[in-house]
Amino acid sequence: MPVLEDWINAACLELGLERGDIDQSLILDLARDVAHGVARPGAPLTAYLLGLAVGRGAPARDAAARLTEMAEGWKGGAPDVPGPAGEPVLGET
C-alpha cells in the first residue's frame, strides 16, 4: 500500500499530526465493520465521529470497540449492545 502510506504521511504533515499516532488498522477495521454491518456510507462518517471523540479525549481503542460492537449488532435502527443505549464513552464533561 505505498500510495496509501504516502497519502497518510502527507495528510498527517498537512494537518500537523504525528504519523505514529494514527492506528491505521483500527480505523480500517472499524470502517469495514460499519460498511458491512450498517451501510457503506456510514464507514467514513463513523471514522470522522471516532476522530471527533478522540479529539475530545476518548481513548481511540475504547471508542472504536464500542462503535464496532454497535455495528455488529445493528438491526436497522436499534442497536443490540449491552448497557443503556447511547451511553457515552467519555461520560459527562
PDB file of N, CA and C in Angstrom:
ATOM      1  N   MET A   1       0.808  -1.186   0.000  1.00  0.00           N
ATOM      2  CA  MET A   1       0.000   0.000   0.000  1.00  0.00           C
ATOM      3  C   MET A   1       0.860   1.263   0.000  1.00  0.00           C
ATOM      4  N   PRO A   2       1.815   1.357  -0.875  1.00  0.00           N
ATOM      5  CA  PRO A   2       2.665   2.549  -0.841  1.00  0.00           C
ATOM      6  C   PRO A   2       1.892   3.846  -1.128  1.00  0.00           C
ATOM      7  N   VAL A   3       0.903   3.809  -1.983  1.00  0.00           N
ATOM      8  CA  VAL A   3       0.136   5.023  -2.278  1.00  0.00           C
ATOM      9  C   VAL A   3      -0.622   5.460  -1.020  1.00  0.00           C
ATOM     10  N   LEU A   4      -1.239   4.528  -0.339  1.00  0.00           N
ATOM     11  CA  LEU A   4      -1.976   4.847   0.882  1.00  0.00           C
ATOM     12  C   LEU A   4      -1.029   5.396   1.949  1.00  0.00           C
ATOM     13  N   GLU A   5       0.120   4.773   2.109  1.00  0.00           N
ATOM     14  CA  GLU A   5       1.102   5.262   3.086  1.00  0.00           C
ATOM     15  C   GLU A   5       1.564   6.674   2.742  1.00  0.00           C
ATOM     16  N   ASP A   6       1.826   6.904   1.455  1.00  0.00           N
ATOM     17  CA  ASP A   6       2.228   8.247   1.027  1.00  0.00           C
ATOM     18  C   ASP A   6       1.135   9.264   1.352  1.00  0.00           C
ATOM     19  N   TRP A   7      -0.116   8.892   1.089  1.00  0.00           N
ATOM     20  CA  TRP A   7      -1.240   9.788   1.360  1.00  0.00           C
ATOM     21  C   TRP A   7      -1.350  10.078   2.855  1.00  0.00           C
ATOM     22  N   ILE A   8      -1.298   9.038   3.689  1.00  0.00           N
ATOM     23  CA  ILE A   8      -1.420   9.221   5.134  1.00  0.00           C
ATOM     24  C   ILE A   8      -0.289  10.105   5.653  1.00  0.00           C
ATOM     25  N   ASN A   9       0.926   9.859   5.198  1.00  0.00           N
ATOM     26  CA  ASN A   9       2.071  10.674   5.622  1.00  0.00           C
ATOM     27  C   ASN A   9       1.875  12.138   5.226  1.00  0.00           C
ATOM     28  N   ALA A  10       1.432  12.362   3.994  1.00  0.00           N
ATOM     29  CA  ALA A  10       1.218  13.734   3.515  1.00  0.00           C
ATOM     30  C   ALA A  10       0.081  14.410   4.278  1.00  0.00           C
ATOM     31  N   ALA A  11      -1.010  13.677   4.529  1.00  0.00           N
ATOM     32  CA  ALA A  11      -2.151  14.237   5.255  1.00  0.00           C
ATOM     33  C   ALA A  11      -1.750  14.580   6.691  1.00  0.00           C
ATOM     34  N   CYS A  12      -0.995  13.707   7.328  1.00  0.00           N
ATOM     35  CA  CYS A  12      -0.527  13.979   8.692  1.00  0.00           C
ATOM     36  C   CYS A  12       0.349  15.227   8.719  1.00  0.00           C
ATOM     37  N   LEU A  13       1.236  15.330   7.770  1.00  0.00           N
ATOM     38  CA  LEU A  13       2.108  16.501   7.697  1.00  0.00           C
ATOM     39  C   LEU A  13       1.280  17.774   7.515  1.00  0.00           C
ATOM     40  N   GLU A  14       0.323  17.724   6.630  1.00  0.00           N
ATOM     41  CA  GLU A  14      -0.525  18.890   6.351  1.00  0.00           C
ATOM     42  C   GLU A  14      -1.345  19.305   7.567  1.00  0.00           C
ATOM     43  N   LEU A  15      -1.813  18.322   8.343  1.00  0.00           N
ATOM     44  CA  LEU A  15      -2.678  18.604   9.486  1.00  0.00           C
ATOM     45  C   LEU A  15      -1.905  18.765  10.797  1.00  0.00           C
ATOM     46  N   GLY A  16      -0.586  18.617  10.736  1.00  0.00           N
ATOM     47  CA  GLY A  16       0.227  18.756  11.941  1.00  0.00           C
ATOM     48  C   GLY A  16       0.073  17.603  12.914  1.00  0.00           C
ATOM     49  N   LEU A  17      -0.181  16.411  12.379  1.00  0.00           N
ATOM     50  CA  LEU A  17      -0.350  15.216  13.202  1.00  0.00           C
ATOM     51  C   LEU A  17       0.903  14.353  13.148  1.00  0.00           C
ATOM     52  N   GLU A  18       1.131  13.602  14.198  1.00  0.00           N
ATOM     53  CA  GLU A  18       2.231  12.646  14.213  1.00  0.00           C
ATOM     54  C   GLU A  18       1.768  11.351  13.565  1.00  0.00           C
ATOM     55  N   ARG A  19       2.519  10.854  12.606  1.00  0.00           N
ATOM     56  CA  ARG A  19       2.140   9.626  11.908  1.00  0.00           C
ATOM     57  C   ARG A  19       2.013   8.454  12.874  1.00  0.00           C
ATOM     58  N   GLY A  20       2.853   8.435  13.884  1.00  0.00           N
ATOM     59  CA  GLY A  20       2.808   7.351  14.864  1.00  0.00           C
ATOM     60  C   GLY A  20       1.545   7.328  15.706  1.00  0.00           C
ATOM     61  N   ASP A  21       0.801   8.426  15.724  1.00  0.00           N
ATOM     62  CA  ASP A  21      -0.441   8.490  16.490  1.00  0.00           C
ATOM     63  C   ASP A  21      -1.628   7.894  15.736  1.00  0.00           C
ATOM     64  N   ILE A  22      -1.435   7.566  14.465  1.00  0.00           N
ATOM     65  CA  ILE A  22      -2.528   7.070  13.626  1.00  0.00           C
ATOM     66  C   ILE A  22      -2.506   5.544  13.616  1.00  0.00           C
ATOM     67  N   ASP A  23      -3.560   4.929  14.143  1.00  0.00           N
ATOM     68  CA  ASP A  23      -3.678   3.467  14.149  1.00  0.00           C
ATOM     69  C   ASP A  23      -4.494   3.061  12.925  1.00  0.00           C
ATOM     70  N   GLN A  24      -3.793   2.864  11.831  1.00  0.00           N
ATOM     71  CA  GLN A  24      -4.425   2.580  10.546  1.00  0.00           C
ATOM     72  C   GLN A  24      -5.315   1.346  10.612  1.00  0.00           C
ATOM     73  N   SER A  25      -4.842   0.277  11.227  1.00  0.00           N
ATOM     74  CA  SER A  25      -5.627  -0.960  11.299  1.00  0.00           C
ATOM     75  C   SER A  25      -6.920  -0.760  12.079  1.00  0.00           C
ATOM     76  N   LEU A  26      -6.846  -0.021  13.172  1.00  0.00           N
ATOM     77  CA  LEU A  26      -8.022   0.239  13.982  1.00  0.00           C
ATOM     78  C   LEU A  26      -9.098   0.948  13.166  1.00  0.00           C
ATOM     79  N   ILE A  27      -8.697   1.960  12.440  1.00  0.00           N
ATOM     80  CA  ILE A  27      -9.655   2.755  11.662  1.00  0.00           C
ATOM     81  C   ILE A  27     -10.217   1.947  10.490  1.00  0.00           C
ATOM     82  N   LEU A  28      -9.341   1.232   9.790  1.00  0.00           N
ATOM     83  CA  LEU A  28      -9.814   0.442   8.651  1.00  0.00           C
ATOM     84  C   LEU A  28     -10.730  -0.699   9.088  1.00  0.00           C
ATOM     85  N   ASP A  29     -10.412  -1.324  10.231  1.00  0.00           N
ATOM     86  CA  ASP A  29     -11.275  -2.395  10.740  1.00  0.00           C
ATOM     87  C   ASP A  29     -12.647  -1.845  11.127  1.00  0.00           C
ATOM     88  N   LEU A  30     -12.658  -0.694  11.793  1.00  0.00           N
ATOM     89  CA  LEU A  30     -13.929  -0.070  12.158  1.00  0.00           C
ATOM     90  C   LEU A  30     -14.738   0.273  10.909  1.00  0.00           C
ATOM     91  N   ALA A  31     -14.096   0.862   9.919  1.00  0.00           N
ATOM     92  CA  ALA A  31     -14.785   1.219   8.677  1.00  0.00           C
ATOM     93  C   ALA A  31     -15.374  -0.013   8.004  1.00  0.00           C
ATOM     94  N   ARG A  32     -14.619  -1.096   7.982  1.00  0.00           N
ATOM     95  CA  ARG A  32     -15.120  -2.351   7.390  1.00  0.00           C
ATOM     96  C   ARG A  32     -16.356  -2.837   8.127  1.00  0.00           C
ATOM     97  N   ASP A  33     -16.285  -2.843   9.469  1.00  0.00           N
ATOM     98  CA  ASP A  33     -17.403  -3.356  10.262  1.00  0.00           C
ATOM     99  C   ASP A  33     -18.663  -2.519  10.065  1.00  0.00           C
ATOM    100  N   VAL A  34     -18.504  -1.213   9.994  1.00  0.00           N
ATOM    101  CA  VAL A  34     -19.660  -0.335   9.784  1.00  0.00           C
ATOM    102  C   VAL A  34     -20.194  -0.498   8.363  1.00  0.00           C
ATOM    103  N   ALA A  35     -19.304  -0.566   7.383  1.00  0.00           N
ATOM    104  CA  ALA A  35     -19.733  -0.719   5.988  1.00  0.00           C
ATOM    105  C   ALA A  35     -20.522  -2.008   5.797  1.00  0.00           C
ATOM    106  N   HIS A  36     -20.104  -3.077   6.452  1.00  0.00           N
ATOM    107  CA  HIS A  36     -20.786  -4.364   6.284  1.00  0.00           C
ATOM    108  C   HIS A  36     -21.988  -4.522   7.207  1.00  0.00           C
ATOM    109  N   GLY A  37     -21.920  -3.935   8.403  1.00  0.00           N
ATOM    110  CA  GLY A  37     -22.992  -4.128   9.380  1.00  0.00           C
ATOM    111  C   GLY A  37     -24.080  -3.070   9.349  1.00  0.00           C
ATOM    112  N   VAL A  38     -23.750  -1.896   8.829  1.00  0.00           N
ATOM    113  CA  VAL A  38     -24.725  -0.797   8.838  1.00  0.00           C
ATOM    114  C   VAL A  38     -25.000  -0.360   7.400  1.00  0.00           C
ATOM    115  N   ALA A  39     -24.081   0.406   6.829  1.00  0.00           N
ATOM    116  CA  ALA A  39     -24.202   0.880   5.450  1.00  0.00           C
ATOM    117  C   ALA A  39     -22.848   1.424   5.016  1.00  0.00           C
ATOM    118  N   ARG A  40     -22.541   1.244   3.745  1.00  0.00           N
ATOM    119  CA  ARG A  40     -21.238   1.706   3.252  1.00  0.00           C
ATOM    120  C   ARG A  40     -20.960   3.179   3.528  1.00  0.00           C
ATOM    121  N   PRO A  41     -21.911   4.080   3.308  1.00  0.00           N
ATOM    122  CA  PRO A  41     -21.627   5.488   3.588  1.00  0.00           C
ATOM    123  C   PRO A  41     -21.360   5.766   5.070  1.00  0.00           C
ATOM    124  N   GLY A  42     -21.778   4.849   5.922  1.00  0.00           N
ATOM    125  CA  GLY A  42     -21.528   5.015   7.344  1.00  0.00           C
ATOM    126  C   GLY A  42     -20.068   4.863   7.727  1.00  0.00           C
ATOM    127  N   ALA A  43     -19.290   4.208   6.888  1.00  0.00           N
ATOM    128  CA  ALA A  43     -17.881   3.958   7.221  1.00  0.00           C
ATOM    129  C   ALA A  43     -17.073   5.246   7.363  1.00  0.00           C
ATOM    130  N   PRO A  44     -17.032   6.124   6.355  1.00  0.00           N
ATOM    131  CA  PRO A  44     -16.244   7.347   6.540  1.00  0.00           C
ATOM    132  C   PRO A  44     -16.848   8.281   7.586  1.00  0.00           C
ATOM    133  N   LEU A  45     -18.165   8.304   7.683  1.00  0.00           N
ATOM    134  CA  LEU A  45     -18.795   9.160   8.682  1.00  0.00           C
ATOM    135  C   LEU A  45     -18.464   8.689  10.100  1.00  0.00           C
ATOM    136  N   THR A  46     -18.457   7.383  10.297  1.00  0.00           N
ATOM    137  CA  THR A  46     -18.118   6.835  11.606  1.00  0.00           C
ATOM    138  C   THR A  46     -16.651   7.077  11.934  1.00  0.00           C
ATOM    139  N   ALA A  47     -15.779   6.973  10.934  1.00  0.00           N
ATOM    140  CA  ALA A  47     -14.363   7.280  11.158  1.00  0.00           C
ATOM    141  C   ALA A  47     -14.211   8.736  11.593  1.00  0.00           C
ATOM    142  N   TYR A  48     -14.967   9.620  10.993  1.00  0.00           N
ATOM    143  CA  TYR A  48     -14.951  11.039  11.374  1.00  0.00           C
ATOM    144  C   TYR A  48     -15.443  11.209  12.808  1.00  0.00           C
ATOM    145  N   LEU A  49     -16.536  10.539  13.154  1.00  0.00           N
ATOM    146  CA  LEU A  49     -17.063  10.621  14.516  1.00  0.00           C
ATOM    147  C   LEU A  49     -16.049  10.093  15.527  1.00  0.00           C
ATOM    148  N   LEU A  50     -15.359   9.020  15.177  1.00  0.00           N
ATOM    149  CA  LEU A  50     -14.309   8.497  16.044  1.00  0.00           C
ATOM    150  C   LEU A  50     -13.235   9.556  16.252  1.00  0.00           C
ATOM    151  N   GLY A  51     -12.848  10.230  15.184  1.00  0.00           N
ATOM    152  CA  GLY A  51     -11.844  11.281  15.289  1.00  0.00           C
ATOM    153  C   GLY A  51     -12.296  12.416  16.191  1.00  0.00           C
ATOM    154  N   LEU A  52     -13.565  12.795  16.089  1.00  0.00           N
ATOM    155  CA  LEU A  52     -14.091  13.838  16.977  1.00  0.00           C
ATOM    156  C   LEU A  52     -14.037  13.389  18.434  1.00  0.00           C
ATOM    157  N   ALA A  53     -14.438  12.154  18.684  1.00  0.00           N
ATOM    158  CA  ALA A  53     -14.429  11.638  20.060  1.00  0.00           C
ATOM    159  C   ALA A  53     -13.009  11.579  20.618  1.00  0.00           C
ATOM    160  N   VAL A  54     -12.083  11.130  19.811  1.00  0.00           N
ATOM    161  CA  VAL A  54     -10.685  11.053  20.249  1.00  0.00           C
ATOM    162  C   VAL A  54     -10.150  12.458  20.499  1.00  0.00           C
ATOM    163  N   GLY A  55     -10.508  13.391  19.642  1.00  0.00           N
ATOM    164  CA  GLY A  55     -10.094  14.774  19.833  1.00  0.00           C
ATOM    165  C   GLY A  55     -10.633  15.375  21.128  1.00  0.00           C
ATOM    166  N   ARG A  56     -11.713  14.835  21.616  1.00  0.00           N
ATOM    167  CA  ARG A  56     -12.308  15.320  22.875  1.00  0.00           C
ATOM    168  C   ARG A  56     -11.846  14.509  24.075  1.00  0.00           C
ATOM    169  N   GLY A  57     -10.936  13.555  23.821  1.00  0.00           N
ATOM    170  CA  GLY A  57     -10.333  12.831  24.934  1.00  0.00           C
ATOM    171  C   GLY A  57     -10.691  11.370  25.086  1.00  0.00           C
ATOM    172  N   ALA A  58     -11.567  10.833  24.249  1.00  0.00           N
ATOM    173  CA  ALA A  58     -11.911   9.412  24.353  1.00  0.00           C
ATOM    174  C   ALA A  58     -10.730   8.559  23.903  1.00  0.00           C
ATOM    175  N   PRO A  59     -10.444   7.483  24.610  1.00  0.00           N
ATOM    176  CA  PRO A  59      -9.414   6.561  24.136  1.00  0.00           C
ATOM    177  C   PRO A  59      -9.866   5.937  22.810  1.00  0.00           C
ATOM    178  N   ALA A  60      -9.014   5.987  21.805  1.00  0.00           N
ATOM    179  CA  ALA A  60      -9.374   5.519  20.461  1.00  0.00           C
ATOM    180  C   ALA A  60      -9.833   4.071  20.466  1.00  0.00           C
ATOM    181  N   ARG A  61      -9.099   3.212  21.135  1.00  0.00           N
ATOM    182  CA  ARG A  61      -9.469   1.783  21.131  1.00  0.00           C
ATOM    183  C   ARG A  61     -10.815   1.543  21.807  1.00  0.00           C
ATOM    184  N   ASP A  62     -11.088   2.243  22.906  1.00  0.00           N
ATOM    185  CA  ASP A  62     -12.367   2.070  23.606  1.00  0.00           C
ATOM    186  C   ASP A  62     -13.526   2.560  22.749  1.00  0.00           C
ATOM    187  N   ALA A  63     -13.360   3.725  22.155  1.00  0.00           N
ATOM    188  CA  ALA A  63     -14.431   4.276  21.320  1.00  0.00           C
ATOM    189  C   ALA A  63     -14.666   3.408  20.092  1.00  0.00           C
ATOM    190  N   ALA A  64     -13.585   2.951  19.460  1.00  0.00           N
ATOM    191  CA  ALA A  64     -13.720   2.088  18.277  1.00  0.00           C
ATOM    192  C   ALA A  64     -14.365   0.761  18.648  1.00  0.00           C
ATOM    193  N   ALA A  65     -14.009   0.215  19.798  1.00  0.00           N
ATOM    194  CA  ALA A  65     -14.604  -1.055  20.229  1.00  0.00           C
ATOM    195  C   ALA A  65     -16.102  -0.898  20.438  1.00  0.00           C
ATOM    196  N   ARG A  66     -16.503   0.214  21.026  1.00  0.00           N
ATOM    197  CA  ARG A  66     -17.932   0.462  21.256  1.00  0.00           C
ATOM    198  C   ARG A  66     -18.679   0.603  19.927  1.00  0.00           C
ATOM    199  N   LEU A  67     -18.088   1.347  18.993  1.00  0.00           N
ATOM    200  CA  LEU A  67     -18.720   1.529  17.679  1.00  0.00           C
ATOM    201  C   LEU A  67     -18.776   0.212  16.908  1.00  0.00           C
ATOM    202  N   THR A  68     -17.729  -0.587  16.995  1.00  0.00           N
ATOM    203  CA  THR A  68     -17.723  -1.892  16.328  1.00  0.00           C
ATOM    204  C   THR A  68     -18.809  -2.785  16.914  1.00  0.00           C
ATOM    205  N   GLU A  69     -18.922  -2.775  18.238  1.00  0.00           N
ATOM    206  CA  GLU A  69     -19.953  -3.561  18.907  1.00  0.00           C
ATOM    207  C   GLU A  69     -21.341  -3.135  18.432  1.00  0.00           C
ATOM    208  N   MET A  70     -21.535  -1.841  18.329  1.00  0.00           N
ATOM    209  CA  MET A  70     -22.817  -1.334  17.839  1.00  0.00           C
ATOM    210  C   MET A  70     -23.073  -1.776  16.401  1.00  0.00           C
ATOM    211  N   ALA A  71     -22.061  -1.653  15.548  1.00  0.00           N
ATOM    212  CA  ALA A  71     -22.217  -2.012  14.135  1.00  0.00           C
ATOM    213  C   ALA A  71     -22.516  -3.494  13.966  1.00  0.00           C
ATOM    214  N   GLU A  72     -21.861  -4.321  14.758  1.00  0.00           N
ATOM    215  CA  GLU A  72     -22.068  -5.771  14.639  1.00  0.00           C
ATOM    216  C   GLU A  72     -23.468  -6.184  15.073  1.00  0.00           C
ATOM    217  N   GLY A  73     -24.076  -5.416  15.968  1.00  0.00           N
ATOM    218  CA  GLY A  73     -25.421  -5.744  16.426  1.00  0.00           C
ATOM    219  C   GLY A  73     -26.511  -4.904  15.787  1.00  0.00           C
ATOM    220  N   TRP A  74     -26.138  -4.080  14.825  1.00  0.00           N
ATOM    221  CA  TRP A  74     -27.085  -3.151  14.210  1.00  0.00           C
ATOM    222  C   TRP A  74     -28.173  -3.891  13.453  1.00  0.00           C
ATOM    223  N   LYS A  75     -29.413  -3.510  13.711  1.00  0.00           N
ATOM    224  CA  LYS A  75     -30.543  -4.141  13.036  1.00  0.00           C
ATOM    225  C   LYS A  75     -31.445  -3.065  12.449  1.00  0.00           C
ATOM    226  N   GLY A  76     -30.852  -2.128  11.739  1.00  0.00           N
ATOM    227  CA  GLY A  76     -31.626  -1.114  11.041  1.00  0.00           C
ATOM    228  C   GLY A  76     -32.331  -0.125  11.930  1.00  0.00           C
ATOM    229  N   GLY A  77     -31.687   0.354  12.955  1.00  0.00           N
ATOM    230  CA  GLY A  77     -32.274   1.399  13.772  1.00  0.00           C
ATOM    231  C   GLY A  77     -32.211   1.137  15.248  1.00  0.00           C
ATOM    232  N   ALA A  78     -32.031  -0.104  15.638  1.00  0.00           N
ATOM    233  CA  ALA A  78     -31.991  -0.411  17.065  1.00  0.00           C
ATOM    234  C   ALA A  78     -30.713  -1.171  17.388  1.00  0.00           C
ATOM    235  N   PRO A  79     -29.742  -0.499  18.013  1.00  0.00           N
ATOM    236  CA  PRO A  79     -28.509  -1.200  18.332  1.00  0.00           C
ATOM    237  C   PRO A  79     -28.755  -2.278  19.370  1.00  0.00           C
ATOM    238  N   ASP A  80     -28.109  -3.410  19.199  1.00  0.00           N
ATOM    239  CA  ASP A  80     -28.211  -4.529  20.120  1.00  0.00           C
ATOM    240  C   ASP A  80     -26.886  -4.608  20.876  1.00  0.00           C
ATOM    241  N   VAL A  81     -26.729  -3.719  21.835  1.00  0.00           N
ATOM    242  CA  VAL A  81     -25.490  -3.683  22.609  1.00  0.00           C
ATOM    243  C   VAL A  81     -25.829  -3.738  24.085  1.00  0.00           C
ATOM    244  N   PRO A  82     -24.927  -4.302  24.883  1.00  0.00           N
ATOM    245  CA  PRO A  82     -25.196  -4.354  26.314  1.00  0.00           C
ATOM    246  C   PRO A  82     -25.176  -2.955  26.924  1.00  0.00           C
ATOM    247  N   GLY A  83     -25.891  -2.785  27.991  1.00  0.00           N
ATOM    248  CA  GLY A  83     -25.912  -1.494  28.678  1.00  0.00           C
ATOM    249  C   GLY A  83     -26.915  -0.565  28.031  1.00  0.00           C
ATOM    250  N   PRO A  84     -27.119   0.568  28.649  1.00  0.00           N
ATOM    251  CA  PRO A  84     -28.082   1.517  28.111  1.00  0.00           C
ATOM    252  C   PRO A  84     -27.639   2.072  26.769  1.00  0.00           C
ATOM    253  N   ALA A  85     -28.560   2.140  25.835  1.00  0.00           N
ATOM    254  CA  ALA A  85     -28.247   2.720  24.521  1.00  0.00           C
ATOM    255  C   ALA A  85     -27.862   4.171  24.688  1.00  0.00           C
ATOM    256  N   GLY A  86     -26.875   4.569  23.930  1.00  0.00           N
ATOM    257  CA  GLY A  86     -26.453   5.952  23.970  1.00  0.00           C
ATOM    258  C   GLY A  86     -25.513   6.293  25.120  1.00  0.00           C
ATOM    259  N   GLU A  87     -25.074   5.299  25.895  1.00  0.00           N
ATOM    260  CA  GLU A  87     -24.131   5.562  26.975  1.00  0.00           C
ATOM    261  C   GLU A  87     -22.819   6.043  26.374  1.00  0.00           C
ATOM    262  N   PRO A  88     -22.422   7.272  26.656  1.00  0.00           N
ATOM    263  CA  PRO A  88     -21.228   7.822  26.029  1.00  0.00           C
ATOM    264  C   PRO A  88     -19.953   7.185  26.538  1.00  0.00           C
ATOM    265  N   VAL A  89     -18.983   7.078  25.665  1.00  0.00           N
ATOM    266  CA  VAL A  89     -17.678   6.535  26.031  1.00  0.00           C
ATOM    267  C   VAL A  89     -16.969   7.503  26.971  1.00  0.00           C
ATOM    268  N   LEU A  90     -17.153   8.798  26.750  1.00  0.00           N
ATOM    269  CA  LEU A  90     -16.462   9.808  27.542  1.00  0.00           C
ATOM    270  C   LEU A  90     -17.137  10.105  28.862  1.00  0.00           C
ATOM    271  N   GLY A  91     -18.406   9.828  28.983  1.00  0.00           N
ATOM    272  CA  GLY A  91     -19.136  10.205  30.181  1.00  0.00           C
ATOM    273  C   GLY A  91     -19.463  11.683  30.152  1.00  0.00           C
ATOM    274  N   GLU A  92     -19.880  12.202  31.249  1.00  0.00           N
ATOM    275  CA  GLU A  92     -20.240  13.619  31.339  1.00  0.00           C
ATOM    276  C   GLU A  92     -18.985  14.465  31.423  1.00  0.00           C
ATOM    277  N   THR A  93     -18.981  15.610  30.713  1.00  0.00           N
ATOM    278  CA  THR A  93     -17.859  16.539  30.788  1.00  0.00           C
ATOM    279  C   THR A  93     -18.300  17.864  31.322  1.00  0.00           C
TER     280      THR A  93
END
